[in-house]
Amino acid sequence: MAKKRRGAPDGEGLERLFGLLDEAPPGLHDIEPAASALPSGLPPELIELYSHCDGLRLFIDATEVVRATEVTMATPGRWRFAETDGDAISIDQRGRIWRLDPSLDDDICEGTRLDRWLGGVLDATAMLYDGDGEFADAVFDEDGEVLPEVRERQLRCQLKRDPAAPGPRWRLAQALLEQGAQDDARNELEQVVADDPAFAWAWLDLARISEKAGELANAVDETRMAAETAEAAQHSQAGYFWAQLARLGARTGDEILRAQAATKTSLVAPELKEAQLAGVRESLEAGDAASAKGLLELLRAVWPRDLQVLELANRLEQGEN
């Protein structure tokens, strides 16, 4: 644990945050002395961060900022400098913070500014601990997972620090859906796409809520927004969003929409069919008929006459009978 700096200022930004860390219970945080020299090419925000520390670990190992010499550029224009709960954290040329979401295999914008993101992490994670630095009561379930209502409060803490950050608000919507608050979740998702109209996953989640509510016209419009914004951004999973639109076209009986979206899928992601077929086979072998059925629904919407798709559909139907 770093020694307390005398006269830590009470100002804003990183200075204030490191002052708070100085006052934290011992043992929770490990702060390395400031870097004496920095690699060339780091963005200004990381230069400022490493003027305070050359790496740090918050709440034992919940969040770790690597040493300056360990910063990498995983993708052009983004520097990977930290991990939160094992997820890679990067900063881009505009100073925005990105978190790799393993469930989507995609980066989600986690913060609009480094100090706001770091402050939100401190506030949110602190809710899991008591004044002695031990885990607080009534925050975990029997499996050791954070309770949904606690997770909701954590995300609201992050948004208090950074209200325009789309990632925490998007996850707040997921937490609200988990608690059955569908209308509140929709409101949060609508704010997400207002703040970040290119957030394709939030558009798709809005479409899923609409589809579940039987509002198919809205679901089509929202899925179209997901597909179009993903394609415009050259998103690696743009084909998946177009396939979802093709599925809705098939469900609503709109053959023109289905065919147009299917064509887009084949053009944007020709590899999607093989990946989906492999997923169906794996699901069938694992006895997971529900997952196999969902994957097949996409396949049949985009490639309705493909022999492999028809064979797997027949196999699924025989297994269900």
Protein backbone atom coordinates (compact mmCIF):
# COMPACT_ATOMS: atom_id res chain seq x y z
CA MET A 1 0.00 0.00 0.00
CA ALA A 2 1.41 3.39 -0.98
CA LYS A 3 2.16 5.87 1.79
CA LYS A 4 -0.25 8.76 2.13
CA ARG A 5 0.81 11.89 0.27
CA ARG A 6 0.69 14.91 2.55
CA GLY A 7 -1.76 17.59 1.60
CA ALA A 8 -3.58 15.59 -1.06
CA PRO A 9 -5.79 18.16 -2.82
CA ASP A 10 -9.57 18.08 -2.75
CA GLY A 11 -9.92 19.14 -6.41
CA GLU A 12 -11.56 17.31 -9.29
CA GLY A 13 -10.30 14.66 -11.65
CA LEU A 14 -7.51 12.19 -10.97
CA GLU A 15 -5.98 14.31 -8.20
CA ARG A 16 -9.17 14.02 -6.18
CA LEU A 17 -9.46 10.28 -6.83
CA PHE A 18 -5.94 9.55 -5.71
CA GLY A 19 -6.58 11.64 -2.62
CA LEU A 20 -9.54 9.37 -1.85
CA LEU A 21 -7.36 6.30 -2.35
CA ASP A 22 -4.90 7.68 0.18
CA GLU A 23 -7.70 7.80 2.76
CA ALA A 24 -9.02 4.28 2.02
CA PRO A 25 -8.68 1.41 4.54
CA PRO A 26 -5.24 -0.23 4.25
CA GLY A 27 -4.97 -3.46 2.32
CA LEU A 28 -7.69 -2.79 -0.23
CA HIS A 29 -5.57 -0.90 -2.77
CA ASP A 30 -2.00 -1.28 -3.97
CA ILE A 31 -0.57 1.81 -5.70
CA GLU A 32 2.85 1.78 -7.34
CA PRO A 33 5.02 4.94 -7.30
CA ALA A 34 4.66 7.24 -10.29
CA ALA A 35 6.46 6.20 -13.47
CA SER A 36 9.86 7.85 -13.90
CA ALA A 37 9.77 7.45 -17.68
CA LEU A 38 6.96 6.68 -20.11
CA PRO A 39 6.87 4.89 -23.45
CA SER A 40 6.33 7.18 -26.42
CA GLY A 41 2.94 7.47 -28.06
CA LEU A 42 0.67 7.26 -24.99
CA PRO A 43 -2.44 9.49 -25.10
CA PRO A 44 -2.52 12.52 -22.75
CA GLU A 45 -5.00 10.85 -20.37
CA LEU A 46 -2.66 7.92 -19.71
CA ILE A 47 0.32 10.26 -19.33
CA GLU A 48 -1.62 12.02 -16.57
CA LEU A 49 -2.61 8.71 -14.97
CA TYR A 50 0.97 7.43 -14.90
CA SER A 51 2.13 10.70 -13.36
CA HIS A 52 0.22 9.50 -10.27
CA CYS A 53 1.15 5.83 -10.33
CA ASP A 54 2.92 3.23 -12.43
CA GLY A 55 0.17 0.67 -12.04
CA LEU A 56 -2.39 0.04 -9.32
CA ARG A 57 -4.78 -2.60 -8.01
CA LEU A 58 -8.15 -1.55 -6.61
CA PHE A 59 -10.11 -3.59 -4.07
CA ILE A 60 -7.37 -6.25 -4.01
CA ASP A 61 -7.65 -7.29 -7.68
CA ALA A 62 -11.12 -6.25 -8.88
CA THR A 63 -9.56 -3.62 -11.15
CA GLU A 64 -5.92 -3.49 -12.19
CA VAL A 65 -4.09 -0.79 -14.11
CA VAL A 66 -0.92 -2.22 -15.66
CA ARG A 67 2.49 -0.55 -15.64
CA ALA A 68 3.10 2.02 -18.34
CA THR A 69 5.52 -0.29 -20.16
CA GLU A 70 2.80 -2.98 -20.33
CA VAL A 71 0.26 -0.83 -22.18
CA THR A 72 -0.56 -2.34 -25.57
CA MET A 73 -2.54 -1.24 -28.62
CA ALA A 74 -4.87 -4.20 -29.13
CA THR A 75 -6.74 -2.42 -31.92
CA PRO A 76 -5.70 0.70 -33.88
CA GLY A 77 -6.36 3.85 -31.89
CA ARG A 78 -7.09 2.06 -28.60
CA TRP A 79 -4.60 1.48 -25.81
CA ARG A 80 -5.28 -1.43 -23.46
CA PHE A 81 -4.16 -0.34 -19.99
CA ALA A 82 -6.35 -2.11 -17.40
CA GLU A 83 -8.65 -4.99 -16.48
CA THR A 84 -11.90 -5.00 -14.52
CA ASP A 85 -13.14 -8.38 -13.28
CA GLY A 86 -10.93 -9.95 -15.93
CA ASP A 87 -12.35 -7.83 -18.80
CA ALA A 88 -9.87 -5.81 -20.86
CA ILE A 89 -10.13 -2.02 -20.54
CA SER A 90 -8.89 0.35 -23.27
CA ILE A 91 -8.84 4.07 -23.95
CA ASP A 92 -9.25 5.61 -27.40
CA GLN A 93 -7.92 8.75 -29.03
CA ARG A 94 -10.90 10.76 -27.77
CA GLY A 95 -10.33 9.66 -24.18
CA ARG A 96 -13.33 7.30 -24.06
CA ILE A 97 -13.04 4.09 -22.06
CA TRP A 98 -13.94 0.71 -23.63
CA ARG A 99 -14.58 -2.63 -21.92
CA LEU A 100 -14.46 -5.98 -23.67
CA ASP A 101 -17.73 -7.84 -23.02
CA PRO A 102 -16.99 -11.60 -23.27
CA SER A 103 -20.66 -12.48 -23.78
CA LEU A 104 -20.73 -10.39 -26.96
CA ASP A 105 -17.07 -10.62 -27.93
CA ASP A 106 -17.28 -6.88 -28.44
CA ASP A 107 -15.99 -3.66 -26.88
CA ILE A 108 -18.60 -1.53 -25.08
CA CYS A 109 -18.05 2.16 -24.30
CA GLU A 110 -17.67 2.17 -20.52
CA GLY A 111 -16.93 5.83 -19.87
CA THR A 112 -16.65 9.21 -21.52
CA ARG A 113 -13.54 10.22 -19.57
CA LEU A 114 -10.82 8.39 -17.63
CA ASP A 115 -11.36 10.09 -14.26
CA ARG A 116 -15.13 9.62 -14.46
CA TRP A 117 -14.72 5.93 -15.28
CA LEU A 118 -12.21 5.39 -12.47
CA GLY A 119 -14.38 7.28 -9.99
CA GLY A 120 -17.38 5.17 -10.96
CA VAL A 121 -15.37 1.98 -10.48
CA LEU A 122 -14.33 3.12 -6.99
CA ASP A 123 -17.86 4.08 -5.96
CA ALA A 124 -19.48 0.95 -7.37
CA THR A 125 -16.98 -1.56 -6.00
CA ALA A 126 -16.92 0.11 -2.58
CA MET A 127 -20.56 -0.96 -2.14
CA LEU A 128 -19.35 -4.55 -1.75
CA TYR A 129 -17.18 -3.74 1.29
CA ASP A 130 -17.78 -2.53 4.82
CA GLY A 131 -15.80 0.07 6.76
CA ASP A 132 -13.18 -2.50 7.78
CA GLY A 133 -12.43 -3.54 4.21
CA GLU A 134 -14.34 -6.84 4.52
CA PHE A 135 -17.15 -7.99 2.24
CA ALA A 136 -20.41 -6.38 3.30
CA ASP A 137 -23.48 -8.39 4.33
CA ALA A 138 -26.42 -8.94 1.95
CA VAL A 139 -24.61 -8.20 -1.29
CA PHE A 140 -23.98 -11.73 -2.65
CA ASP A 141 -26.33 -14.63 -3.33
CA GLU A 142 -25.66 -18.27 -2.35
CA ASP A 143 -23.57 -18.79 -5.49
CA GLY A 144 -21.34 -15.83 -4.71
CA GLU A 145 -22.90 -13.59 -7.39
CA VAL A 146 -23.75 -9.97 -6.69
CA LEU A 147 -27.49 -9.63 -6.00
CA PRO A 148 -29.43 -7.98 -8.87
CA GLU A 149 -30.62 -5.10 -6.68
CA VAL A 150 -27.03 -4.45 -5.51
CA ARG A 151 -25.80 -4.60 -9.09
CA GLU A 152 -28.45 -2.04 -10.00
CA ARG A 153 -27.21 0.32 -7.27
CA GLN A 154 -23.62 -0.16 -8.43
CA LEU A 155 -24.50 0.80 -11.98
CA ARG A 156 -26.40 3.85 -10.80
CA CYS A 157 -23.27 4.87 -8.89
CA GLN A 158 -21.26 4.68 -12.10
CA LEU A 159 -23.86 6.72 -13.97
CA LYS A 160 -23.86 9.37 -11.26
CA ARG A 161 -20.19 9.89 -12.07
CA ASP A 162 -20.63 9.61 -15.85
CA PRO A 163 -24.28 10.01 -16.91
CA ALA A 164 -23.56 9.83 -20.66
CA ALA A 165 -21.59 6.56 -20.47
CA PRO A 166 -23.59 4.08 -22.60
CA GLY A 167 -22.09 0.85 -21.22
CA PRO A 168 -23.19 1.16 -17.57
CA ARG A 169 -26.65 2.37 -18.59
CA TRP A 170 -27.00 -0.54 -21.03
CA ARG A 171 -26.06 -3.00 -18.26
CA LEU A 172 -28.47 -1.22 -15.90
CA ALA A 173 -31.21 -2.06 -18.40
CA GLN A 174 -30.14 -5.72 -18.25
CA ALA A 175 -30.28 -5.65 -14.44
CA LEU A 176 -33.76 -4.12 -14.56
CA LEU A 177 -34.95 -6.76 -17.01
CA GLU A 178 -33.59 -9.43 -14.67
CA GLN A 179 -35.81 -7.95 -11.95
CA GLY A 180 -38.84 -7.84 -14.24
CA ALA A 181 -38.88 -4.05 -14.64
CA GLN A 182 -39.39 -4.08 -18.40
CA ASP A 183 -40.71 -0.52 -18.79
CA ASP A 184 -37.83 0.91 -16.76
CA ALA A 185 -35.38 -1.13 -18.82
CA ARG A 186 -36.87 0.24 -22.04
CA ASN A 187 -36.51 3.79 -20.72
CA GLU A 188 -32.83 3.23 -19.96
CA LEU A 189 -32.18 1.67 -23.38
CA GLU A 190 -33.90 4.59 -25.10
CA GLN A 191 -31.55 6.92 -23.23
CA VAL A 192 -28.58 4.78 -24.32
CA VAL A 193 -29.40 5.11 -28.02
CA ALA A 194 -30.10 8.83 -27.55
CA ASP A 195 -26.61 9.24 -26.08
CA ASP A 196 -24.98 6.80 -28.54
CA PRO A 197 -27.12 6.17 -31.66
CA ALA A 198 -24.45 3.77 -33.01
CA PHE A 199 -24.82 1.35 -30.07
CA ALA A 200 -26.23 -1.56 -32.10
CA TRP A 201 -26.63 -3.95 -29.15
CA ALA A 202 -28.87 -1.45 -27.33
CA TRP A 203 -31.07 -1.13 -30.44
CA LEU A 204 -31.31 -4.92 -30.61
CA ASP A 205 -32.28 -5.14 -26.93
CA LEU A 206 -35.00 -2.56 -27.53
CA ALA A 207 -36.24 -4.72 -30.41
CA ARG A 208 -36.33 -7.79 -28.18
CA ILE A 209 -38.45 -5.95 -25.62
CA SER A 210 -40.79 -4.77 -28.37
CA GLU A 211 -41.03 -8.26 -29.87
CA LYS A 212 -41.80 -9.80 -26.48
CA ALA A 213 -44.55 -7.22 -26.01
CA GLY A 214 -46.03 -8.08 -29.40
CA GLU A 215 -45.04 -4.71 -30.90
CA LEU A 216 -43.56 -6.22 -34.05
CA ALA A 217 -43.52 -3.02 -36.11
CA ASN A 218 -41.38 -1.34 -33.46
CA ALA A 219 -39.17 -4.44 -33.26
CA VAL A 220 -38.57 -4.29 -37.02
CA ASP A 221 -37.67 -0.58 -36.89
CA GLU A 222 -35.32 -1.05 -33.93
CA THR A 223 -33.62 -4.09 -35.47
CA ARG A 224 -33.17 -2.18 -38.71
CA MET A 225 -31.44 0.59 -36.74
CA ALA A 226 -29.16 -2.01 -35.14
CA ALA A 227 -28.24 -3.47 -38.53
CA GLU A 228 -27.75 -0.16 -40.32
CA THR A 229 -25.64 1.42 -37.58
CA ALA A 230 -23.54 -1.73 -37.27
CA GLU A 231 -22.89 -1.85 -41.01
CA ALA A 232 -22.06 1.88 -41.12
CA ALA A 233 -19.53 1.38 -38.33
CA GLN A 234 -18.09 -1.69 -40.08
CA HIS A 235 -18.98 -3.68 -36.99
CA SER A 236 -17.59 -7.21 -37.02
CA GLN A 237 -21.05 -8.64 -36.23
CA ALA A 238 -23.11 -6.53 -38.65
CA GLY A 239 -24.22 -9.69 -40.44
CA TYR A 240 -25.78 -11.01 -37.24
CA PHE A 241 -27.94 -7.89 -36.92
CA TRP A 242 -29.11 -8.20 -40.53
CA ALA A 243 -29.93 -11.87 -39.86
CA GLN A 244 -32.11 -10.80 -36.94
CA LEU A 245 -33.97 -8.45 -39.26
CA ALA A 246 -34.44 -11.31 -41.74
CA ARG A 247 -35.86 -13.42 -38.91
CA LEU A 248 -38.39 -10.70 -38.07
CA GLY A 249 -39.28 -10.42 -41.75
CA ALA A 250 -40.02 -14.14 -41.79
CA ARG A 251 -42.02 -13.91 -38.57
CA THR A 252 -44.18 -11.03 -39.82
CA GLY A 253 -44.66 -12.60 -43.25
CA ASP A 254 -42.85 -9.73 -44.99
CA GLU A 255 -41.03 -11.66 -47.73
CA ILE A 256 -39.52 -8.54 -49.27
CA LEU A 257 -37.99 -7.50 -45.94
CA ARG A 258 -36.79 -11.04 -45.27
CA ALA A 259 -35.15 -11.37 -48.68
CA GLN A 260 -33.49 -7.94 -48.52
CA ALA A 261 -32.11 -8.56 -45.03
CA ALA A 262 -30.99 -12.07 -46.02
CA THR A 263 -29.09 -10.65 -49.00
CA LYS A 264 -27.42 -8.09 -46.73
CA THR A 265 -26.44 -10.85 -44.31
CA SER A 266 -24.81 -12.92 -47.05
CA LEU A 267 -22.92 -9.90 -48.40
CA VAL A 268 -21.75 -8.51 -45.06
CA ALA A 269 -21.00 -11.82 -43.29
CA PRO A 270 -20.63 -14.76 -45.67
CA GLU A 271 -18.99 -16.73 -42.86
CA LEU A 272 -22.03 -16.46 -40.59
CA LYS A 273 -23.78 -19.52 -42.01
CA GLU A 274 -20.97 -21.92 -41.11
CA ALA A 275 -20.65 -20.42 -37.64
CA GLN A 276 -24.39 -20.75 -37.01
CA LEU A 277 -24.47 -24.31 -38.37
CA ALA A 278 -21.63 -25.26 -36.04
CA GLY A 279 -23.53 -23.68 -33.16
CA VAL A 280 -26.66 -25.70 -33.96
CA ARG A 281 -24.69 -28.96 -34.08
CA GLU A 282 -22.99 -28.20 -30.76
CA SER A 283 -26.33 -27.35 -29.14
CA LEU A 284 -27.94 -30.54 -30.42
CA GLU A 285 -25.04 -32.66 -29.19
CA ALA A 286 -25.32 -30.98 -25.79
CA GLY A 287 -29.06 -31.64 -25.68
CA ASP A 288 -29.83 -27.91 -25.70
CA ALA A 289 -32.82 -27.88 -28.03
CA ALA A 290 -33.82 -24.31 -27.15
CA SER A 291 -30.48 -22.85 -28.27
CA ALA A 292 -30.48 -24.99 -31.39
CA LYS A 293 -33.98 -23.79 -32.26
CA GLY A 294 -33.00 -20.13 -31.88
CA LEU A 295 -29.96 -20.53 -34.11
CA LEU A 296 -31.98 -22.43 -36.70
CA GLU A 297 -34.60 -19.70 -36.79
CA LEU A 298 -31.92 -17.28 -37.99
CA LEU A 299 -30.53 -19.78 -40.48
CA ARG A 300 -33.92 -20.56 -42.00
CA ALA A 301 -34.70 -16.87 -42.37
CA VAL A 302 -31.47 -16.19 -44.29
CA TRP A 303 -30.87 -19.51 -46.07
CA PRO A 304 -34.33 -21.14 -46.22
CA ARG A 305 -33.47 -23.63 -48.98
CA ASP A 306 -29.97 -24.61 -47.85
CA LEU A 307 -29.70 -28.40 -47.59
CA GLN A 308 -27.61 -28.33 -44.41
CA VAL A 309 -30.08 -26.00 -42.75
CA LEU A 310 -33.02 -28.19 -43.77
CA GLU A 311 -31.24 -31.34 -42.55
CA LEU A 312 -30.57 -29.83 -39.12
CA ALA A 313 -34.13 -28.52 -38.89
CA ASN A 314 -35.43 -32.01 -39.61
CA ARG A 315 -33.07 -33.45 -37.01
CA LEU A 316 -34.34 -30.99 -34.41
CA GLU A 317 -37.98 -31.72 -35.21
CA GLN A 318 -37.41 -35.47 -34.92
CA GLY A 319 -35.71 -34.97 -31.57
CA GLU A 320 -38.64 -32.94 -30.26
CA ASN A 321 -41.21 -35.56 -31.34
